[in-house]
Amino acid sequence: MYEIKKQIYLNLTKNQKSALCNYLRALVKKSPDLTVDEIWDSFTADELYYIELNCSRFEFLAEILDDEQFKSDTLKYLKECKKYYDYKEQQRPLIEAQKEFDRKKRKFLQEVKMSKEPPTKKQLYYYDRLCKKYNIDKIELTSKLEARNEIDKIITEHAPKISTEEYEE
């Protein structure tokens, strides 16, 4: 797509070319189910309408909209954009799978790191309070991961009791 940009719209200024290319790319992205010719027809119809009303974003197109070179360049660019977005859509499942893999990898690495660090004072205090509250025998916690897992286990085992006790009061 970027190589095509260098070859098209040679008679436009840098800003005109950029604005037009961005607009055309957005059109292709917005309507992936349309063909290149349908997008071209829609674009020209819209531009003719806005030129008639004297409120076109691309005033410079009034003179070159019917030009065969402009049509050729635009169709080339629309085809490249269509290829780009079709390819990107095909890659979506792979990208999603990679993101999921990265999430799992970060979680695993976080747990490995937690397993090597001693539990925090807050974790020890909270674990101690839970053990006293539910009359559970304490064990020696050696890592943040172990503390987290033990606290979660206590909470999940006693969660129904906690919720019913709160409503009885």
N, C-alpha and C. Protein backbone atom coordinates (compact mmCIF):
# COMPACT_ATOMS: atom_id res chain seq x y z
N MET A 1 0.83 -1.18 0.00
CA MET A 1 0.00 0.00 0.00
C MET A 1 0.88 1.26 0.00
N TYR A 2 1.99 1.21 0.72
CA TYR A 2 2.85 2.39 0.82
C TYR A 2 3.64 2.62 -0.47
N GLU A 3 3.93 1.55 -1.19
CA GLU A 3 4.63 1.72 -2.48
C GLU A 3 3.69 2.34 -3.51
N ILE A 4 2.44 1.95 -3.47
CA ILE A 4 1.46 2.52 -4.40
C ILE A 4 1.29 4.01 -4.14
N LYS A 5 1.31 4.40 -2.89
CA LYS A 5 1.14 5.81 -2.53
C LYS A 5 2.18 6.69 -3.21
N LYS A 6 3.38 6.16 -3.38
CA LYS A 6 4.46 6.94 -4.01
C LYS A 6 4.22 7.11 -5.51
N GLN A 7 3.46 6.18 -6.10
CA GLN A 7 3.29 6.18 -7.55
C GLN A 7 2.03 6.90 -8.03
N ILE A 8 1.12 7.22 -7.13
CA ILE A 8 -0.16 7.80 -7.55
C ILE A 8 -0.28 9.26 -7.15
N TYR A 9 -1.23 9.93 -7.78
CA TYR A 9 -1.55 11.34 -7.50
C TYR A 9 -0.31 12.23 -7.51
N LEU A 10 0.46 12.12 -8.55
CA LEU A 10 1.70 12.88 -8.63
C LEU A 10 1.45 14.37 -8.83
N ASN A 11 0.26 14.74 -9.33
CA ASN A 11 -0.03 16.15 -9.57
C ASN A 11 -0.67 16.84 -8.35
N LEU A 12 -0.90 16.11 -7.25
CA LEU A 12 -1.49 16.70 -6.05
C LEU A 12 -0.39 17.11 -5.07
N THR A 13 -0.72 18.05 -4.21
CA THR A 13 0.24 18.42 -3.17
C THR A 13 0.30 17.32 -2.12
N LYS A 14 1.28 17.41 -1.27
CA LYS A 14 1.48 16.41 -0.21
C LYS A 14 0.25 16.32 0.70
N ASN A 15 -0.29 17.47 1.12
CA ASN A 15 -1.45 17.49 2.01
C ASN A 15 -2.70 16.98 1.32
N GLN A 16 -2.90 17.35 0.06
CA GLN A 16 -4.06 16.87 -0.69
C GLN A 16 -4.01 15.36 -0.84
N LYS A 17 -2.84 14.87 -1.20
CA LYS A 17 -2.66 13.43 -1.40
C LYS A 17 -2.92 12.67 -0.09
N SER A 18 -2.37 13.18 0.99
CA SER A 18 -2.54 12.53 2.29
C SER A 18 -4.00 12.51 2.71
N ALA A 19 -4.68 13.64 2.58
CA ALA A 19 -6.09 13.71 2.98
C ALA A 19 -6.94 12.77 2.14
N LEU A 20 -6.70 12.75 0.85
CA LEU A 20 -7.48 11.89 -0.04
C LEU A 20 -7.22 10.42 0.25
N CYS A 21 -5.97 10.05 0.43
CA CYS A 21 -5.63 8.65 0.73
C CYS A 21 -6.23 8.19 2.06
N ASN A 22 -6.17 9.04 3.06
CA ASN A 22 -6.76 8.69 4.36
C ASN A 22 -8.26 8.50 4.23
N TYR A 23 -8.91 9.36 3.48
CA TYR A 23 -10.36 9.26 3.29
C TYR A 23 -10.71 7.97 2.55
N LEU A 24 -9.98 7.67 1.49
CA LEU A 24 -10.25 6.46 0.71
C LEU A 24 -10.01 5.20 1.54
N ARG A 25 -8.95 5.21 2.34
CA ARG A 25 -8.66 4.06 3.20
C ARG A 25 -9.79 3.86 4.22
N ALA A 26 -10.30 4.95 4.75
CA ALA A 26 -11.41 4.87 5.70
C ALA A 26 -12.66 4.33 5.02
N LEU A 27 -12.88 4.73 3.77
CA LEU A 27 -14.03 4.19 3.03
C LEU A 27 -13.94 2.68 2.86
N VAL A 28 -12.77 2.21 2.52
CA VAL A 28 -12.57 0.76 2.32
C VAL A 28 -12.76 0.03 3.65
N LYS A 29 -12.22 0.58 4.72
CA LYS A 29 -12.34 -0.07 6.03
C LYS A 29 -13.79 -0.09 6.50
N LYS A 30 -14.52 0.98 6.20
CA LYS A 30 -15.90 1.09 6.65
C LYS A 30 -16.83 0.13 5.92
N SER A 31 -16.51 -0.20 4.69
CA SER A 31 -17.40 -1.05 3.89
C SER A 31 -16.63 -2.23 3.29
N PRO A 32 -16.28 -3.21 4.11
CA PRO A 32 -15.49 -4.33 3.61
C PRO A 32 -16.27 -5.26 2.66
N ASP A 33 -17.59 -5.18 2.69
CA ASP A 33 -18.39 -6.06 1.85
C ASP A 33 -18.56 -5.53 0.42
N LEU A 34 -18.22 -4.27 0.16
CA LEU A 34 -18.34 -3.70 -1.17
C LEU A 34 -17.11 -3.99 -2.01
N THR A 35 -17.30 -4.06 -3.32
CA THR A 35 -16.17 -4.25 -4.22
C THR A 35 -15.48 -2.91 -4.45
N VAL A 36 -14.33 -2.95 -5.09
CA VAL A 36 -13.58 -1.74 -5.37
C VAL A 36 -14.39 -0.81 -6.28
N ASP A 37 -15.03 -1.37 -7.29
CA ASP A 37 -15.83 -0.56 -8.21
C ASP A 37 -17.01 0.10 -7.50
N GLU A 38 -17.64 -0.63 -6.59
CA GLU A 38 -18.76 -0.06 -5.84
C GLU A 38 -18.28 1.08 -4.93
N ILE A 39 -17.13 0.91 -4.34
CA ILE A 39 -16.57 1.98 -3.49
C ILE A 39 -16.24 3.19 -4.36
N TRP A 40 -15.66 2.96 -5.54
CA TRP A 40 -15.35 4.05 -6.46
C TRP A 40 -16.63 4.80 -6.85
N ASP A 41 -17.67 4.06 -7.21
CA ASP A 41 -18.94 4.69 -7.61
C ASP A 41 -19.52 5.51 -6.46
N SER A 42 -19.47 4.95 -5.25
CA SER A 42 -19.99 5.65 -4.08
C SER A 42 -19.19 6.93 -3.83
N PHE A 43 -17.88 6.82 -3.93
CA PHE A 43 -17.01 7.97 -3.70
C PHE A 43 -17.28 9.07 -4.71
N THR A 44 -17.34 8.73 -5.99
CA THR A 44 -17.57 9.76 -7.01
C THR A 44 -18.96 10.38 -6.88
N ALA A 45 -19.95 9.57 -6.59
CA ALA A 45 -21.30 10.11 -6.42
C ALA A 45 -21.34 11.10 -5.25
N ASP A 46 -20.73 10.73 -4.14
CA ASP A 46 -20.69 11.62 -2.98
C ASP A 46 -19.95 12.92 -3.30
N GLU A 47 -18.80 12.79 -3.96
CA GLU A 47 -18.01 13.98 -4.27
C GLU A 47 -18.74 14.90 -5.25
N LEU A 48 -19.39 14.32 -6.25
CA LEU A 48 -20.16 15.16 -7.18
C LEU A 48 -21.28 15.89 -6.46
N TYR A 49 -21.92 15.21 -5.55
CA TYR A 49 -23.00 15.82 -4.77
C TYR A 49 -22.47 16.98 -3.94
N TYR A 50 -21.36 16.76 -3.25
CA TYR A 50 -20.80 17.82 -2.40
C TYR A 50 -20.19 18.96 -3.22
N ILE A 51 -19.66 18.66 -4.37
CA ILE A 51 -19.14 19.72 -5.24
C ILE A 51 -20.29 20.59 -5.73
N GLU A 52 -21.43 19.96 -6.05
CA GLU A 52 -22.62 20.71 -6.46
C GLU A 52 -23.08 21.66 -5.37
N LEU A 53 -22.98 21.21 -4.11
CA LEU A 53 -23.40 22.04 -2.98
C LEU A 53 -22.33 23.06 -2.56
N ASN A 54 -21.19 23.00 -3.20
CA ASN A 54 -20.04 23.87 -2.86
C ASN A 54 -19.56 23.67 -1.43
N CYS A 55 -19.58 22.45 -0.95
CA CYS A 55 -19.06 22.19 0.41
C CYS A 55 -18.24 20.89 0.44
N SER A 56 -17.48 20.69 -0.59
CA SER A 56 -16.66 19.49 -0.67
C SER A 56 -15.41 19.64 0.20
N ARG A 57 -15.00 18.54 0.78
CA ARG A 57 -13.74 18.54 1.53
C ARG A 57 -12.57 18.62 0.58
N PHE A 58 -12.78 18.08 -0.60
CA PHE A 58 -11.71 18.01 -1.59
C PHE A 58 -12.08 18.88 -2.79
N GLU A 59 -11.98 20.18 -2.64
CA GLU A 59 -12.34 21.11 -3.71
C GLU A 59 -11.49 20.90 -4.95
N PHE A 60 -10.27 20.47 -4.76
CA PHE A 60 -9.36 20.24 -5.87
C PHE A 60 -9.82 19.11 -6.78
N LEU A 61 -10.75 18.27 -6.32
CA LEU A 61 -11.24 17.16 -7.13
C LEU A 61 -12.23 17.60 -8.20
N ALA A 62 -12.78 18.79 -8.08
CA ALA A 62 -13.78 19.26 -9.05
C ALA A 62 -13.21 19.24 -10.46
N GLU A 63 -11.94 19.55 -10.60
CA GLU A 63 -11.32 19.62 -11.93
C GLU A 63 -10.83 18.26 -12.42
N ILE A 64 -10.46 17.37 -11.49
CA ILE A 64 -9.82 16.13 -11.93
C ILE A 64 -10.66 14.87 -11.67
N LEU A 65 -11.88 15.02 -11.16
CA LEU A 65 -12.70 13.86 -10.82
C LEU A 65 -13.02 13.00 -12.04
N ASP A 66 -13.18 13.63 -13.21
CA ASP A 66 -13.50 12.89 -14.43
C ASP A 66 -12.27 12.46 -15.20
N ASP A 67 -11.10 12.82 -14.75
CA ASP A 67 -9.85 12.50 -15.41
C ASP A 67 -9.57 11.00 -15.32
N GLU A 68 -9.14 10.43 -16.42
CA GLU A 68 -8.89 8.98 -16.48
C GLU A 68 -7.69 8.59 -15.61
N GLN A 69 -6.67 9.43 -15.54
CA GLN A 69 -5.51 9.15 -14.70
C GLN A 69 -5.89 9.13 -13.23
N PHE A 70 -6.75 10.07 -12.82
CA PHE A 70 -7.21 10.10 -11.44
C PHE A 70 -8.00 8.83 -11.11
N LYS A 71 -8.87 8.43 -12.01
CA LYS A 71 -9.65 7.20 -11.79
C LYS A 71 -8.74 5.99 -11.68
N SER A 72 -7.76 5.91 -12.55
CA SER A 72 -6.82 4.79 -12.54
C SER A 72 -6.05 4.74 -11.22
N ASP A 73 -5.53 5.90 -10.81
CA ASP A 73 -4.77 5.97 -9.55
C ASP A 73 -5.65 5.58 -8.36
N THR A 74 -6.86 6.09 -8.35
CA THR A 74 -7.77 5.82 -7.23
C THR A 74 -8.13 4.34 -7.17
N LEU A 75 -8.40 3.75 -8.32
CA LEU A 75 -8.73 2.31 -8.32
C LEU A 75 -7.55 1.47 -7.86
N LYS A 76 -6.33 1.85 -8.26
CA LYS A 76 -5.13 1.15 -7.78
C LYS A 76 -5.05 1.21 -6.25
N TYR A 77 -5.26 2.41 -5.74
CA TYR A 77 -5.15 2.59 -4.29
C TYR A 77 -6.26 1.84 -3.56
N LEU A 78 -7.46 1.90 -4.09
CA LEU A 78 -8.58 1.18 -3.45
C LEU A 78 -8.33 -0.33 -3.45
N LYS A 79 -7.76 -0.86 -4.53
CA LYS A 79 -7.44 -2.30 -4.59
C LYS A 79 -6.41 -2.66 -3.54
N GLU A 80 -5.38 -1.83 -3.41
CA GLU A 80 -4.35 -2.09 -2.39
C GLU A 80 -4.93 -2.04 -0.98
N CYS A 81 -5.79 -1.07 -0.73
CA CYS A 81 -6.42 -0.96 0.59
C CYS A 81 -7.29 -2.18 0.85
N LYS A 82 -8.01 -2.61 -0.15
CA LYS A 82 -8.88 -3.79 -0.01
C LYS A 82 -8.04 -5.03 0.32
N LYS A 83 -6.92 -5.19 -0.40
CA LYS A 83 -6.02 -6.32 -0.12
C LYS A 83 -5.51 -6.26 1.32
N TYR A 84 -5.10 -5.06 1.72
CA TYR A 84 -4.56 -4.87 3.06
C TYR A 84 -5.57 -5.26 4.12
N TYR A 85 -6.80 -4.78 4.01
CA TYR A 85 -7.81 -5.07 5.03
C TYR A 85 -8.30 -6.51 4.97
N ASP A 86 -8.33 -7.10 3.78
CA ASP A 86 -8.68 -8.52 3.68
C ASP A 86 -7.62 -9.38 4.35
N TYR A 87 -6.36 -9.05 4.12
CA TYR A 87 -5.26 -9.78 4.75
C TYR A 87 -5.31 -9.62 6.26
N LYS A 88 -5.57 -8.40 6.71
CA LYS A 88 -5.64 -8.13 8.14
C LYS A 88 -6.78 -8.93 8.78
N GLU A 89 -7.89 -9.05 8.07
CA GLU A 89 -9.03 -9.82 8.59
C GLU A 89 -8.68 -11.31 8.66
N GLN A 90 -7.94 -11.80 7.69
CA GLN A 90 -7.51 -13.20 7.71
C GLN A 90 -6.56 -13.47 8.87
N GLN A 91 -5.78 -12.49 9.25
CA GLN A 91 -4.80 -12.66 10.32
C GLN A 91 -5.41 -12.53 11.71
N ARG A 92 -6.66 -12.06 11.80
CA ARG A 92 -7.28 -11.81 13.11
C ARG A 92 -7.26 -13.02 14.04
N PRO A 93 -7.63 -14.24 13.59
CA PRO A 93 -7.58 -15.38 14.51
C PRO A 93 -6.18 -15.64 15.06
N LEU A 94 -5.17 -15.47 14.23
CA LEU A 94 -3.79 -15.68 14.69
C LEU A 94 -3.39 -14.62 15.71
N ILE A 95 -3.80 -13.40 15.47
CA ILE A 95 -3.46 -12.31 16.39
C ILE A 95 -4.15 -12.53 17.73
N GLU A 96 -5.43 -12.93 17.69
CA GLU A 96 -6.17 -13.20 18.93
C GLU A 96 -5.54 -14.36 19.70
N ALA A 97 -5.13 -15.40 18.98
CA ALA A 97 -4.48 -16.54 19.63
C ALA A 97 -3.16 -16.10 20.28
N GLN A 98 -2.41 -15.26 19.59
CA GLN A 98 -1.14 -14.77 20.14
C GLN A 98 -1.38 -13.93 21.39
N LYS A 99 -2.42 -13.09 21.36
CA LYS A 99 -2.74 -12.28 22.54
C LYS A 99 -3.10 -13.17 23.72
N GLU A 100 -3.89 -14.19 23.47
CA GLU A 100 -4.29 -15.11 24.54
C GLU A 100 -3.07 -15.84 25.10
N PHE A 101 -2.18 -16.27 24.23
CA PHE A 101 -0.95 -16.93 24.66
C PHE A 101 -0.11 -15.98 25.52
N ASP A 102 0.01 -14.72 25.09
CA ASP A 102 0.78 -13.74 25.85
C ASP A 102 0.17 -13.49 27.23
N ARG A 103 -1.18 -13.45 27.30
CA ARG A 103 -1.85 -13.27 28.59
C ARG A 103 -1.52 -14.41 29.54
N LYS A 104 -1.60 -15.64 29.01
CA LYS A 104 -1.30 -16.81 29.85
C LYS A 104 0.17 -16.81 30.28
N LYS A 105 1.03 -16.41 29.37
CA LYS A 105 2.46 -16.36 29.67
C LYS A 105 2.74 -15.35 30.78
N ARG A 106 2.12 -14.15 30.70
CA ARG A 106 2.32 -13.13 31.74
C ARG A 106 1.81 -13.63 33.08
N LYS A 107 0.65 -14.30 33.06
CA LYS A 107 0.08 -14.82 34.31
C LYS A 107 1.01 -15.87 34.91
N PHE A 108 1.52 -16.75 34.08
CA PHE A 108 2.43 -17.80 34.55
C PHE A 108 3.70 -17.18 35.14
N LEU A 109 4.27 -16.22 34.42
CA LEU A 109 5.50 -15.58 34.91
C LEU A 109 5.26 -14.81 36.21
N GLN A 110 4.08 -14.21 36.33
CA GLN A 110 3.74 -13.51 37.57
C GLN A 110 3.66 -14.51 38.73
N GLU A 111 3.07 -15.68 38.48
CA GLU A 111 2.98 -16.69 39.53
C GLU A 111 4.35 -17.24 39.90
N VAL A 112 5.22 -17.40 38.92
CA VAL A 112 6.58 -17.86 39.21
C VAL A 112 7.29 -16.84 40.09
N LYS A 113 7.13 -15.57 39.75
CA LYS A 113 7.76 -14.51 40.55
C LYS A 113 7.19 -14.51 41.97
N MET A 114 5.86 -14.67 42.09
CA MET A 114 5.23 -14.67 43.41
C MET A 114 5.67 -15.87 44.24
N SER A 115 5.95 -16.99 43.58
CA SER A 115 6.34 -18.18 44.33
C SER A 115 7.74 -18.05 44.94
N LYS A 116 8.51 -17.09 44.44
CA LYS A 116 9.87 -16.90 44.94
C LYS A 116 9.98 -15.78 45.98
N GLU A 117 8.91 -15.01 46.15
CA GLU A 117 8.94 -13.90 47.09
C GLU A 117 8.23 -14.29 48.39
N PRO A 118 8.72 -13.80 49.53
CA PRO A 118 8.05 -14.11 50.81
C PRO A 118 6.70 -13.40 50.88
N PRO A 119 5.76 -13.93 51.65
CA PRO A 119 4.45 -13.29 51.75
C PRO A 119 4.56 -11.91 52.41
N THR A 120 3.65 -11.03 52.06
CA THR A 120 3.67 -9.69 52.63
C THR A 120 3.06 -9.70 54.03
N LYS A 121 3.30 -8.63 54.76
CA LYS A 121 2.72 -8.53 56.12
C LYS A 121 1.20 -8.50 56.05
N LYS A 122 0.66 -7.84 55.05
CA LYS A 122 -0.80 -7.79 54.90
C LYS A 122 -1.37 -9.18 54.67
N GLN A 123 -0.72 -9.94 53.81
CA GLN A 123 -1.19 -11.31 53.54
C GLN A 123 -1.15 -12.15 54.81
N LEU A 124 -0.04 -12.05 55.54
CA LEU A 124 0.09 -12.83 56.78
C LEU A 124 -0.97 -12.41 57.80
N TYR A 125 -1.19 -11.13 57.93
CA TYR A 125 -2.18 -10.63 58.87
C TYR A 125 -3.59 -11.09 58.47
N TYR A 126 -3.91 -10.96 57.20
CA TYR A 126 -5.24 -11.35 56.71
C TYR A 126 -5.44 -12.85 56.89
N TYR A 127 -4.42 -13.64 56.57
CA TYR A 127 -4.50 -15.10 56.73
C TYR A 127 -4.69 -15.45 58.21
N ASP A 128 -3.96 -14.79 59.08
CA ASP A 128 -4.08 -15.02 60.52
C ASP A 128 -5.50 -14.71 61.00
N ARG A 129 -6.07 -13.58 60.56
CA ARG A 129 -7.42 -13.19 60.96
C ARG A 129 -8.47 -14.18 60.44
N LEU A 130 -8.29 -14.65 59.23
CA LEU A 130 -9.23 -15.63 58.68
C LEU A 130 -9.17 -16.95 59.45
N CYS A 131 -7.96 -17.37 59.77
CA CYS A 131 -7.80 -18.62 60.52
C CYS A 131 -8.46 -18.51 61.90
N LYS A 132 -8.29 -17.39 62.57
CA LYS A 132 -8.93 -17.20 63.88
C LYS A 132 -10.45 -17.17 63.74
N LYS A 133 -10.94 -16.47 62.73
CA LYS A 133 -12.38 -16.31 62.55
C LYS A 133 -13.07 -17.64 62.29
N TYR A 134 -12.45 -18.50 61.50
CA TYR A 134 -13.09 -19.77 61.13
C TYR A 134 -12.49 -20.97 61.85
N ASN A 135 -11.67 -20.73 62.87
CA ASN A 135 -11.05 -21.79 63.67
C ASN A 135 -10.33 -22.82 62.79
N ILE A 136 -9.43 -22.31 61.98
CA ILE A 136 -8.66 -23.16 61.07
C ILE A 136 -7.22 -23.21 61.58
N ASP A 137 -6.63 -24.39 61.48
CA ASP A 137 -5.22 -24.54 61.87
C ASP A 137 -4.35 -23.83 60.84
N LYS A 138 -3.43 -23.01 61.35
CA LYS A 138 -2.55 -22.26 60.46
C LYS A 138 -1.40 -23.15 59.98
N ILE A 139 -0.95 -22.85 58.76
CA ILE A 139 0.25 -23.49 58.25
C ILE A 139 1.28 -22.39 57.99
N GLU A 140 2.51 -22.78 57.85
CA GLU A 140 3.57 -21.81 57.59
C GLU A 140 3.55 -21.44 56.10
N LEU A 141 3.31 -20.18 55.81
CA LEU A 141 3.27 -19.70 54.43
C LEU A 141 4.68 -19.29 54.00
N THR A 142 5.11 -19.81 52.86
CA THR A 142 6.48 -19.55 52.42
C THR A 142 6.57 -18.57 51.25
N SER A 143 5.46 -18.30 50.57
CA SER A 143 5.54 -17.40 49.41
C SER A 143 4.24 -16.62 49.25
N LYS A 144 4.31 -15.57 48.46
CA LYS A 144 3.12 -14.78 48.15
C LYS A 144 2.07 -15.64 47.45
N LEU A 145 2.52 -16.49 46.55
CA LEU A 145 1.60 -17.36 45.80
C LEU A 145 0.87 -18.31 46.74
N GLU A 146 1.61 -18.92 47.63
CA GLU A 146 0.99 -19.85 48.58
C GLU A 146 0.00 -19.11 49.48
N ALA A 147 0.37 -17.92 49.93
CA ALA A 147 -0.53 -17.12 50.77
C ALA A 147 -1.80 -16.76 50.01
N ARG A 148 -1.65 -16.33 48.79
CA ARG A 148 -2.82 -15.98 47.99
C ARG A 148 -3.74 -17.18 47.80
N ASN A 149 -3.15 -18.32 47.49
CA ASN A 149 -3.96 -19.53 47.26
C ASN A 149 -4.67 -19.98 48.53
N GLU A 150 -3.98 -19.92 49.66
CA GLU A 150 -4.59 -20.32 50.94
C GLU A 150 -5.74 -19.38 51.31
N ILE A 151 -5.52 -18.10 51.14
CA ILE A 151 -6.56 -17.11 51.45
C ILE A 151 -7.77 -17.33 50.54
N ASP A 152 -7.52 -17.55 49.25
CA ASP A 152 -8.62 -17.81 48.32
C ASP A 152 -9.38 -19.07 48.69
N LYS A 153 -8.63 -20.11 49.10
CA LYS A 153 -9.26 -21.37 49.48
C LYS A 153 -10.18 -21.18 50.69
N ILE A 154 -9.71 -20.45 51.68
CA ILE A 154 -10.52 -20.20 52.88
C ILE A 154 -11.78 -19.41 52.52
N ILE A 155 -11.60 -18.40 51.73
CA ILE A 155 -12.74 -17.54 51.36
C ILE A 155 -13.77 -18.33 50.56
N THR A 156 -13.31 -19.14 49.62
CA THR A 156 -14.28 -19.90 48.81
C THR A 156 -14.98 -20.98 49.62
N GLU A 157 -14.28 -21.59 50.56
CA GLU A 157 -14.92 -22.61 51.39
C GLU A 157 -15.97 -22.01 52.32
N HIS A 158 -15.71 -20.81 52.80
CA HIS A 158 -16.60 -20.21 53.78
C HIS A 158 -17.49 -19.11 53.19
N ALA A 159 -17.44 -18.91 51.90
CA ALA A 159 -18.24 -17.87 51.26
C ALA A 159 -19.74 -18.06 51.49
N PRO A 160 -20.30 -19.27 51.34
CA PRO A 160 -21.75 -19.41 51.59
C PRO A 160 -22.10 -19.08 53.04
N LYS A 161 -21.23 -19.46 53.97
CA LYS A 161 -21.48 -19.17 55.38
C LYS A 161 -21.44 -17.67 55.63
N ILE A 162 -20.50 -16.98 55.00
CA ILE A 162 -20.36 -15.54 55.19
C ILE A 162 -21.62 -14.84 54.71
N SER A 163 -22.08 -15.20 53.51
CA SER A 163 -23.24 -14.49 52.95
C SER A 163 -24.50 -14.77 53.74
N THR A 164 -24.72 -16.00 54.24
CA THR A 164 -25.92 -16.28 55.02
C THR A 164 -25.85 -15.64 56.39
N GLU A 165 -24.67 -15.59 56.98
CA GLU A 165 -24.51 -14.97 58.30
C GLU A 165 -24.81 -13.48 58.23
N GLU A 166 -24.42 -12.84 57.16
CA GLU A 166 -24.65 -11.41 57.00
C GLU A 166 -26.14 -11.11 56.91
N TYR A 167 -26.89 -11.96 56.22
CA TYR A 167 -28.33 -11.71 56.06
C TYR A 167 -29.11 -12.01 57.36
N GLU A 168 -28.61 -12.90 58.19
CA GLU A 168 -29.29 -13.25 59.43
C GLU A 168 -29.21 -12.12 60.44
N GLU A 169 -28.14 -11.32 60.37
CA GLU A 169 -27.96 -10.23 61.33
C GLU A 169 -28.86 -9.14 61.02
